[in-house]
Amino acid sequence: MSEHGNSGTPEEIGCLESIETLYAYLDGEIRDPADIAKIEHHLGHCRSCFSRAELERRLAVRLRAAGSQQAPDSLQERLKDLLRRL
């Protein structure tokens, strides 16, 4: 992925490429500034992809928060019982 000429404007990407790289982008796995710029440029111009990115970002935040909480004792006991039966 490279930038166009001397304009400094990121190369255009489509929705398919944006969605295919969305999780890596949101997880901070994309390191190349040119690739980041392309995704951010697309998200800045495509309402559909921006909405998807926001949904995924907010979901990840909620999942991380929920993952730090301990399940109630009653649920833990039910799960242990279920596992013993397997």
C-alpha atoms as a PDB file:
ATOM      1  CA  MET A   1       0.000   0.000   0.000  1.00  0.00           C
ATOM      2  CA  SER A   2       1.530   3.296  -1.024  1.00  0.00           C
ATOM      3  CA  GLU A   3       0.483   6.917  -1.170  1.00  0.00           C
ATOM      4  CA  HIS A   4      -0.326   8.803  -4.356  1.00  0.00           C
ATOM      5  CA  GLY A   5       2.458  10.965  -5.770  1.00  0.00           C
ATOM      6  CA  ASN A   6       3.367  14.152  -3.933  1.00  0.00           C
ATOM      7  CA  SER A   7      -0.124  15.198  -2.892  1.00  0.00           C
ATOM      8  CA  GLY A   8       0.142  13.505   0.506  1.00  0.00           C
ATOM      9  CA  THR A   9      -3.445  12.275   0.089  1.00  0.00           C
ATOM     10  CA  PRO A  10      -3.792   8.612   1.011  1.00  0.00           C
ATOM     11  CA  GLU A  11      -4.574   6.141  -1.743  1.00  0.00           C
ATOM     12  CA  GLU A  12      -8.302   5.362  -1.878  1.00  0.00           C
ATOM     13  CA  ILE A  13      -9.467   1.992  -0.607  1.00  0.00           C
ATOM     14  CA  GLY A  14     -12.915   0.494  -0.932  1.00  0.00           C
ATOM     15  CA  CYS A  15     -15.346  -0.792   1.652  1.00  0.00           C
ATOM     16  CA  LEU A  16     -14.248  -4.408   1.228  1.00  0.00           C
ATOM     17  CA  GLU A  17     -10.599  -3.645   2.020  1.00  0.00           C
ATOM     18  CA  SER A  18     -11.651  -1.366   4.867  1.00  0.00           C
ATOM     19  CA  ILE A  19     -13.787  -4.076   6.497  1.00  0.00           C
ATOM     20  CA  GLU A  20     -11.138  -6.767   5.883  1.00  0.00           C
ATOM     21  CA  THR A  21      -8.573  -4.714   7.814  1.00  0.00           C
ATOM     22  CA  LEU A  22     -10.936  -3.243  10.404  1.00  0.00           C
ATOM     23  CA  TYR A  23     -10.154  -5.602  13.289  1.00  0.00           C
ATOM     24  CA  ALA A  24      -6.403  -5.330  12.798  1.00  0.00           C
ATOM     25  CA  TYR A  25      -6.779  -1.543  12.683  1.00  0.00           C
ATOM     26  CA  LEU A  26      -8.921  -1.380  15.826  1.00  0.00           C
ATOM     27  CA  ASP A  27      -6.551  -3.737  17.664  1.00  0.00           C
ATOM     28  CA  GLY A  28      -3.543  -1.571  16.774  1.00  0.00           C
ATOM     29  CA  GLU A  29      -1.939  -4.337  14.716  1.00  0.00           C
ATOM     30  CA  ILE A  30      -1.399  -2.157  11.643  1.00  0.00           C
ATOM     31  CA  ARG A  31       1.904  -0.319  12.016  1.00  0.00           C
ATOM     32  CA  ASP A  32       2.477   1.200   8.562  1.00  0.00           C
ATOM     33  CA  PRO A  33       1.440   4.887   8.728  1.00  0.00           C
ATOM     34  CA  ALA A  34       0.399   4.807   5.054  1.00  0.00           C
ATOM     35  CA  ASP A  35      -1.945   1.873   5.702  1.00  0.00           C
ATOM     36  CA  ILE A  36      -3.400   3.577   8.776  1.00  0.00           C
ATOM     37  CA  ALA A  37      -3.923   6.768   6.774  1.00  0.00           C
ATOM     38  CA  LYS A  38      -5.797   4.860   4.051  1.00  0.00           C
ATOM     39  CA  ILE A  39      -8.167   3.254   6.523  1.00  0.00           C
ATOM     40  CA  GLU A  40      -8.756   6.494   8.416  1.00  0.00           C
ATOM     41  CA  HIS A  41      -9.312   8.354   5.154  1.00  0.00           C
ATOM     42  CA  HIS A  42     -11.931   5.795   4.104  1.00  0.00           C
ATOM     43  CA  LEU A  43     -13.631   5.846   7.513  1.00  0.00           C
ATOM     44  CA  GLY A  44     -13.710   9.636   7.310  1.00  0.00           C
ATOM     45  CA  HIS A  45     -15.633   9.512   4.030  1.00  0.00           C
ATOM     46  CA  CYS A  46     -17.769   6.360   4.277  1.00  0.00           C
ATOM     47  CA  ARG A  47     -20.586   6.578   6.782  1.00  0.00           C
ATOM     48  CA  SER A  48     -21.353   2.860   6.565  1.00  0.00           C
ATOM     49  CA  CYS A  49     -17.798   1.728   7.347  1.00  0.00           C
ATOM     50  CA  PHE A  50     -17.412   4.416  10.016  1.00  0.00           C
ATOM     51  CA  SER A  51     -20.598   3.179  11.709  1.00  0.00           C
ATOM     52  CA  ARG A  52     -19.318  -0.402  11.581  1.00  0.00           C
ATOM     53  CA  ALA A  53     -15.975   0.652  13.050  1.00  0.00           C
ATOM     54  CA  GLU A  54     -17.689   2.550  15.870  1.00  0.00           C
ATOM     55  CA  LEU A  55     -19.925  -0.420  16.660  1.00  0.00           C
ATOM     56  CA  GLU A  56     -16.944  -2.782  16.779  1.00  0.00           C
ATOM     57  CA  ARG A  57     -14.883  -0.328  18.856  1.00  0.00           C
ATOM     58  CA  ARG A  58     -17.666   0.132  21.413  1.00  0.00           C
ATOM     59  CA  LEU A  59     -18.329  -3.600  21.559  1.00  0.00           C
ATOM     60  CA  ALA A  60     -14.634  -4.273  22.242  1.00  0.00           C
ATOM     61  CA  VAL A  61     -14.651  -1.728  25.079  1.00  0.00           C
ATOM     62  CA  ARG A  62     -17.711  -3.360  26.658  1.00  0.00           C
ATOM     63  CA  LEU A  63     -16.266  -6.860  26.283  1.00  0.00           C
ATOM     64  CA  ARG A  64     -13.000  -5.807  27.923  1.00  0.00           C
ATOM     65  CA  ALA A  65     -14.941  -4.260  30.811  1.00  0.00           C
ATOM     66  CA  ALA A  66     -17.142  -7.341  31.199  1.00  0.00           C
ATOM     67  CA  GLY A  67     -14.112  -9.614  31.117  1.00  0.00           C
ATOM     68  CA  SER A  68     -12.716  -7.990  34.220  1.00  0.00           C
ATOM     69  CA  GLN A  69     -15.787  -8.892  36.293  1.00  0.00           C
ATOM     70  CA  GLN A  70     -16.145 -12.212  38.092  1.00  0.00           C
ATOM     71  CA  ALA A  71     -19.179 -14.380  37.403  1.00  0.00           C
ATOM     72  CA  PRO A  72     -21.591 -14.793  40.333  1.00  0.00           C
ATOM     73  CA  ASP A  73     -20.970 -17.835  42.546  1.00  0.00           C
ATOM     74  CA  SER A  74     -24.251 -19.427  41.455  1.00  0.00           C
ATOM     75  CA  LEU A  75     -23.238 -19.282  37.791  1.00  0.00           C
ATOM     76  CA  GLN A  76     -19.787 -20.664  38.559  1.00  0.00           C
ATOM     77  CA  GLU A  77     -21.336 -23.593  40.420  1.00  0.00           C
ATOM     78  CA  ARG A  78     -23.785 -24.339  37.590  1.00  0.00           C
ATOM     79  CA  LEU A  79     -20.933 -24.334  35.067  1.00  0.00           C
ATOM     80  CA  LYS A  80     -18.792 -26.605  37.244  1.00  0.00           C
ATOM     81  CA  ASP A  81     -21.734 -28.989  37.597  1.00  0.00           C
ATOM     82  CA  LEU A  82     -22.307 -28.976  33.843  1.00  0.00           C
ATOM     83  CA  LEU A  83     -18.632 -29.704  33.176  1.00  0.00           C
ATOM     84  CA  ARG A  84     -18.616 -32.573  35.671  1.00  0.00           C
ATOM     85  CA  ARG A  85     -21.541 -34.159  33.801  1.00  0.00           C
ATOM     86  CA  LEU A  86     -19.647 -34.128  30.504  1.00  0.00           C
END
